[in-house]
Amino acid sequence: MTNEDLYQARIDHTFWDKDAIHGTFLYNNSLNTAPDVYDITLLGEVSNRRQATIEESHIFGPTLANFARFGFNRTMTLAPETATA
């Protein structure tokens, strides 16, 4: 059995015709459970993930543009975890 909470958001904003910014955020928690090979213990796997990105773009002219990006990613998994006895 798998339980998963997943949320994602994006924001865009244009300051002027030549200057804009956008960002995304991802939040994901999940729990996966299954019995062991002897069907005695319920084992689980816990996963957490966070991701964020932001980008700023500026157009200086018809042949010159600048894009600045920053990103963050964190993933954590705990396995195997005993879910029940």
N, C-alpha and C. Protein backbone atom coordinates (compact mmCIF):
# COMPACT_ATOMS: atom_id res chain seq x y z
N MET A 1 0.85 -1.17 0.00
CA MET A 1 0.00 0.00 0.00
C MET A 1 0.90 1.24 0.00
N THR A 2 0.52 2.23 -0.76
CA THR A 2 1.29 3.46 -0.84
C THR A 2 0.39 4.65 -0.55
N ASN A 3 0.80 5.47 0.40
CA ASN A 3 0.15 6.76 0.67
C ASN A 3 1.10 7.85 0.21
N GLU A 4 0.58 8.81 -0.53
CA GLU A 4 1.46 9.86 -1.05
C GLU A 4 0.74 11.20 -0.98
N ASP A 5 1.46 12.20 -0.45
CA ASP A 5 1.00 13.59 -0.45
C ASP A 5 1.92 14.37 -1.37
N LEU A 6 1.37 14.90 -2.45
CA LEU A 6 2.15 15.62 -3.45
C LEU A 6 1.50 16.97 -3.72
N TYR A 7 2.29 18.02 -3.56
CA TYR A 7 1.82 19.38 -3.82
C TYR A 7 2.85 20.07 -4.70
N GLN A 8 2.37 20.81 -5.68
CA GLN A 8 3.27 21.55 -6.57
C GLN A 8 2.65 22.91 -6.86
N ALA A 9 3.49 23.93 -6.85
CA ALA A 9 3.03 25.30 -7.11
C ALA A 9 3.99 25.99 -8.05
N ARG A 10 3.46 26.91 -8.83
CA ARG A 10 4.29 27.72 -9.74
C ARG A 10 3.76 29.15 -9.69
N ILE A 11 4.71 30.08 -9.72
CA ILE A 11 4.34 31.49 -9.74
C ILE A 11 5.13 32.18 -10.84
N ASP A 12 4.45 33.03 -11.59
CA ASP A 12 5.07 33.81 -12.66
C ASP A 12 4.74 35.28 -12.44
N HIS A 13 5.73 36.12 -12.66
CA HIS A 13 5.48 37.55 -12.53
C HIS A 13 6.34 38.30 -13.55
N THR A 14 5.71 39.20 -14.29
CA THR A 14 6.42 40.04 -15.25
C THR A 14 6.47 41.45 -14.69
N PHE A 15 7.68 41.93 -14.43
CA PHE A 15 7.84 43.28 -13.91
C PHE A 15 7.65 44.32 -15.02
N TRP A 16 8.36 44.11 -16.13
CA TRP A 16 8.27 44.95 -17.31
C TRP A 16 8.31 44.04 -18.52
N ASP A 17 8.23 44.59 -19.70
CA ASP A 17 8.26 43.77 -20.91
C ASP A 17 9.56 42.97 -21.02
N LYS A 18 10.63 43.47 -20.44
CA LYS A 18 11.93 42.83 -20.60
C LYS A 18 12.46 42.19 -19.32
N ASP A 19 11.67 42.15 -18.27
CA ASP A 19 12.13 41.62 -16.98
C ASP A 19 11.03 40.76 -16.36
N ALA A 20 11.34 39.48 -16.12
CA ALA A 20 10.34 38.57 -15.57
C ALA A 20 11.00 37.60 -14.60
N ILE A 21 10.18 36.99 -13.75
CA ILE A 21 10.66 36.01 -12.77
C ILE A 21 9.61 34.90 -12.68
N HIS A 22 10.08 33.68 -12.46
CA HIS A 22 9.15 32.60 -12.16
C HIS A 22 9.82 31.60 -11.22
N GLY A 23 8.99 30.90 -10.47
CA GLY A 23 9.51 29.93 -9.52
C GLY A 23 8.56 28.76 -9.37
N THR A 24 9.10 27.62 -8.96
CA THR A 24 8.30 26.43 -8.70
C THR A 24 8.70 25.85 -7.35
N PHE A 25 7.74 25.16 -6.73
CA PHE A 25 7.98 24.49 -5.46
C PHE A 25 7.28 23.14 -5.49
N LEU A 26 7.98 22.09 -5.06
CA LEU A 26 7.43 20.74 -5.00
C LEU A 26 7.60 20.20 -3.59
N TYR A 27 6.53 19.61 -3.06
CA TYR A 27 6.51 19.01 -1.73
C TYR A 27 5.93 17.61 -1.89
N ASN A 28 6.67 16.58 -1.49
CA ASN A 28 6.22 15.21 -1.68
C ASN A 28 6.60 14.37 -0.47
N ASN A 29 5.61 13.78 0.19
CA ASN A 29 5.81 12.82 1.27
C ASN A 29 5.11 11.53 0.86
N SER A 30 5.76 10.39 1.07
CA SER A 30 5.12 9.12 0.74
C SER A 30 5.52 8.05 1.75
N LEU A 31 4.61 7.10 1.92
CA LEU A 31 4.83 5.94 2.79
C LEU A 31 4.39 4.71 2.01
N ASN A 32 5.31 3.79 1.79
CA ASN A 32 5.03 2.56 1.07
C ASN A 32 5.18 1.41 2.05
N THR A 33 4.16 0.57 2.19
CA THR A 33 4.21 -0.56 3.11
C THR A 33 3.94 -1.86 2.37
N ALA A 34 4.60 -2.94 2.82
CA ALA A 34 4.41 -4.27 2.25
C ALA A 34 4.86 -5.29 3.30
N PRO A 35 4.30 -6.49 3.29
CA PRO A 35 4.74 -7.51 4.25
C PRO A 35 6.13 -8.05 3.90
N ASP A 36 6.81 -8.56 4.93
CA ASP A 36 8.11 -9.18 4.67
C ASP A 36 7.91 -10.52 3.96
N VAL A 37 9.00 -11.21 3.66
CA VAL A 37 8.91 -12.45 2.88
C VAL A 37 8.16 -13.56 3.62
N TYR A 38 8.10 -13.50 4.96
CA TYR A 38 7.40 -14.51 5.76
C TYR A 38 5.99 -14.07 6.12
N ASP A 39 5.59 -12.89 5.70
CA ASP A 39 4.26 -12.33 5.97
C ASP A 39 4.00 -12.21 7.47
N ILE A 40 5.05 -11.84 8.23
CA ILE A 40 4.93 -11.68 9.67
C ILE A 40 4.95 -10.21 10.05
N THR A 41 5.85 -9.46 9.46
CA THR A 41 6.05 -8.05 9.80
C THR A 41 5.72 -7.18 8.60
N LEU A 42 5.06 -6.07 8.87
CA LEU A 42 4.78 -5.11 7.82
C LEU A 42 5.93 -4.11 7.76
N LEU A 43 6.62 -4.08 6.63
CA LEU A 43 7.76 -3.19 6.45
C LEU A 43 7.32 -1.95 5.68
N GLY A 44 8.02 -0.86 5.92
CA GLY A 44 7.66 0.38 5.25
C GLY A 44 8.87 1.12 4.73
N GLU A 45 8.60 2.03 3.81
CA GLU A 45 9.61 2.91 3.25
C GLU A 45 9.04 4.32 3.28
N VAL A 46 9.74 5.22 3.96
CA VAL A 46 9.31 6.60 4.08
C VAL A 46 10.18 7.46 3.18
N SER A 47 9.55 8.27 2.32
CA SER A 47 10.29 9.15 1.41
C SER A 47 9.78 10.58 1.57
N ASN A 48 10.70 11.51 1.63
CA ASN A 48 10.39 12.93 1.68
C ASN A 48 11.20 13.64 0.61
N ARG A 49 10.54 14.53 -0.13
CA ARG A 49 11.24 15.27 -1.20
C ARG A 49 10.77 16.71 -1.20
N ARG A 50 11.75 17.62 -1.29
CA ARG A 50 11.48 19.06 -1.41
C ARG A 50 12.31 19.58 -2.57
N GLN A 51 11.69 20.38 -3.40
CA GLN A 51 12.40 20.96 -4.54
C GLN A 51 11.88 22.36 -4.79
N ALA A 52 12.81 23.29 -5.01
CA ALA A 52 12.44 24.68 -5.31
C ALA A 52 13.36 25.22 -6.39
N THR A 53 12.79 25.98 -7.31
CA THR A 53 13.58 26.63 -8.35
C THR A 53 13.07 28.05 -8.55
N ILE A 54 13.97 28.92 -8.94
CA ILE A 54 13.60 30.30 -9.26
C ILE A 54 14.46 30.73 -10.44
N GLU A 55 13.85 31.47 -11.35
CA GLU A 55 14.57 31.96 -12.53
C GLU A 55 14.16 33.40 -12.81
N GLU A 56 15.18 34.23 -13.07
CA GLU A 56 14.95 35.62 -13.45
C GLU A 56 15.50 35.82 -14.84
N SER A 57 14.70 36.44 -15.71
CA SER A 57 15.15 36.69 -17.08
C SER A 57 15.08 38.18 -17.38
N HIS A 58 16.08 38.65 -18.07
CA HIS A 58 16.13 40.06 -18.47
C HIS A 58 16.63 40.14 -19.90
N ILE A 59 15.89 40.84 -20.74
CA ILE A 59 16.27 41.02 -22.14
C ILE A 59 16.85 42.42 -22.30
N PHE A 60 18.11 42.47 -22.69
CA PHE A 60 18.81 43.73 -22.86
C PHE A 60 18.58 44.32 -24.25
N GLY A 61 18.44 43.47 -25.23
CA GLY A 61 18.26 43.92 -26.61
C GLY A 61 17.90 42.75 -27.49
N PRO A 62 17.81 42.95 -28.80
CA PRO A 62 17.40 41.86 -29.69
C PRO A 62 18.40 40.72 -29.79
N THR A 63 19.65 40.93 -29.38
CA THR A 63 20.65 39.86 -29.46
C THR A 63 21.29 39.52 -28.12
N LEU A 64 20.80 40.11 -27.02
CA LEU A 64 21.41 39.86 -25.71
C LEU A 64 20.34 39.67 -24.65
N ALA A 65 20.42 38.53 -23.95
CA ALA A 65 19.49 38.22 -22.86
C ALA A 65 20.28 37.57 -21.72
N ASN A 66 19.77 37.73 -20.51
CA ASN A 66 20.40 37.16 -19.32
C ASN A 66 19.37 36.32 -18.57
N PHE A 67 19.75 35.09 -18.19
CA PHE A 67 18.90 34.20 -17.41
C PHE A 67 19.68 33.76 -16.19
N ALA A 68 19.14 34.02 -15.02
CA ALA A 68 19.77 33.60 -13.76
C ALA A 68 18.87 32.57 -13.10
N ARG A 69 19.44 31.42 -12.74
CA ARG A 69 18.65 30.33 -12.15
C ARG A 69 19.27 29.88 -10.84
N PHE A 70 18.38 29.48 -9.92
CA PHE A 70 18.79 28.91 -8.64
C PHE A 70 17.86 27.75 -8.34
N GLY A 71 18.41 26.65 -7.83
CA GLY A 71 17.60 25.49 -7.50
C GLY A 71 18.04 24.84 -6.21
N PHE A 72 17.09 24.17 -5.57
CA PHE A 72 17.34 23.44 -4.32
C PHE A 72 16.58 22.13 -4.41
N ASN A 73 17.23 21.01 -4.04
CA ASN A 73 16.59 19.71 -4.06
C ASN A 73 17.05 18.93 -2.84
N ARG A 74 16.09 18.35 -2.11
CA ARG A 74 16.43 17.53 -0.96
C ARG A 74 15.54 16.30 -0.98
N THR A 75 16.16 15.13 -0.95
CA THR A 75 15.43 13.87 -0.94
C THR A 75 15.94 13.04 0.23
N MET A 76 15.00 12.45 0.98
CA MET A 76 15.36 11.60 2.11
C MET A 76 14.50 10.34 2.05
N THR A 77 15.12 9.18 2.19
CA THR A 77 14.40 7.92 2.20
C THR A 77 14.88 7.10 3.38
N LEU A 78 13.94 6.57 4.14
CA LEU A 78 14.23 5.67 5.26
C LEU A 78 13.65 4.30 4.91
N ALA A 79 14.50 3.30 4.78
CA ALA A 79 14.01 1.96 4.44
C ALA A 79 15.03 0.93 4.89
N PRO A 80 14.66 -0.24 5.33
CA PRO A 80 13.28 -0.57 5.67
C PRO A 80 12.93 -0.09 7.07
N GLU A 81 11.74 0.32 7.25
CA GLU A 81 11.20 0.73 8.54
C GLU A 81 10.13 -0.29 8.93
N THR A 82 10.07 -0.67 10.20
CA THR A 82 9.03 -1.58 10.66
C THR A 82 7.76 -0.78 10.89
N ALA A 83 6.72 -1.11 10.12
CA ALA A 83 5.46 -0.38 10.25
C ALA A 83 4.59 -0.95 11.38
N THR A 84 4.54 -2.26 11.51
CA THR A 84 3.79 -2.91 12.60
C THR A 84 4.49 -4.20 12.99
N ALA A 85 4.11 -4.72 14.14
CA ALA A 85 4.68 -6.00 14.58
C ALA A 85 3.74 -7.14 14.21
